Amino acid sequence: MLIILYVILGYWATGKTIYANKVMIGSWGSIFLTRFAFGFFLGWILIPWALIKCIFH
């Protein structure tokens, strides 16, 4: 259950931090897999960063 929550939050955090205000060009599958991979491998740093960004924005 925690892994699923981590993956969902990592995907969300990737969109809020790395891909914020960016236009992504490509197929839906490649965009999804890229965001999923960034969220999975860098979620431990992106999730707190996105939460702080949302609080102070």
Protein backbone atom coordinates (compact mmCIF):
# COMPACT_ATOMS: atom_id res chain seq x y z
CA MET A 1 0.00 0.00 0.00
CA LEU A 2 2.81 2.43 0.83
CA ILE A 3 4.58 1.69 -2.45
CA ILE A 4 1.46 2.59 -4.41
CA LEU A 5 1.12 5.85 -2.46
CA TYR A 6 4.82 6.59 -3.03
CA VAL A 7 4.48 6.02 -6.80
CA ILE A 8 1.38 8.23 -7.04
CA LEU A 9 2.97 11.02 -5.00
CA GLY A 10 6.21 10.71 -6.98
CA TYR A 11 4.34 11.05 -10.27
CA TRP A 12 2.49 14.10 -8.94
CA ALA A 13 5.69 15.64 -7.55
CA THR A 14 7.48 15.20 -10.86
CA GLY A 15 4.78 17.25 -12.55
CA LYS A 16 4.95 19.94 -9.87
CA THR A 17 8.75 20.27 -9.87
CA ILE A 18 10.65 19.05 -12.92
CA TYR A 19 7.91 19.52 -15.51
CA ALA A 20 6.24 22.61 -14.02
CA ASN A 21 5.40 25.19 -16.72
CA LYS A 22 6.82 23.02 -19.49
CA VAL A 23 5.19 21.86 -22.71
CA MET A 24 5.84 18.17 -23.22
CA ILE A 25 5.91 16.84 -26.76
CA GLY A 26 5.67 13.12 -27.41
CA SER A 27 3.33 10.23 -27.18
CA TRP A 28 1.24 9.78 -24.07
CA GLY A 29 3.06 6.56 -23.25
CA SER A 30 6.55 8.06 -23.41
CA ILE A 31 5.51 11.08 -21.33
CA PHE A 32 3.87 8.85 -18.74
CA LEU A 33 6.84 6.49 -18.50
CA THR A 34 9.31 9.36 -18.20
CA ARG A 35 7.36 11.01 -15.40
CA PHE A 36 6.79 7.64 -13.74
CA ALA A 37 10.52 6.81 -13.81
CA PHE A 38 11.54 10.22 -12.45
CA GLY A 39 8.88 9.95 -9.74
CA PHE A 40 9.90 6.44 -8.77
CA PHE A 41 13.65 6.97 -8.64
CA LEU A 42 13.72 10.59 -7.42
CA GLY A 43 10.52 10.62 -5.39
CA TRP A 44 12.40 10.73 -2.10
CA ILE A 45 13.59 14.26 -2.97
CA LEU A 46 10.78 15.43 -5.30
CA ILE A 47 7.89 14.75 -2.91
CA PRO A 48 9.15 17.03 -0.10
CA TRP A 49 10.22 19.64 -2.67
CA ALA A 50 6.74 19.64 -4.27
CA LEU A 51 5.00 19.85 -0.90
CA ILE A 52 7.15 22.82 0.13
CA LYS A 53 6.53 24.43 -3.24
CA CYS A 54 2.75 24.02 -2.82
CA ILE A 55 2.77 25.41 0.72
CA PHE A 56 4.74 28.54 -0.14
CA HIS A 57 3.29 29.20 -3.57
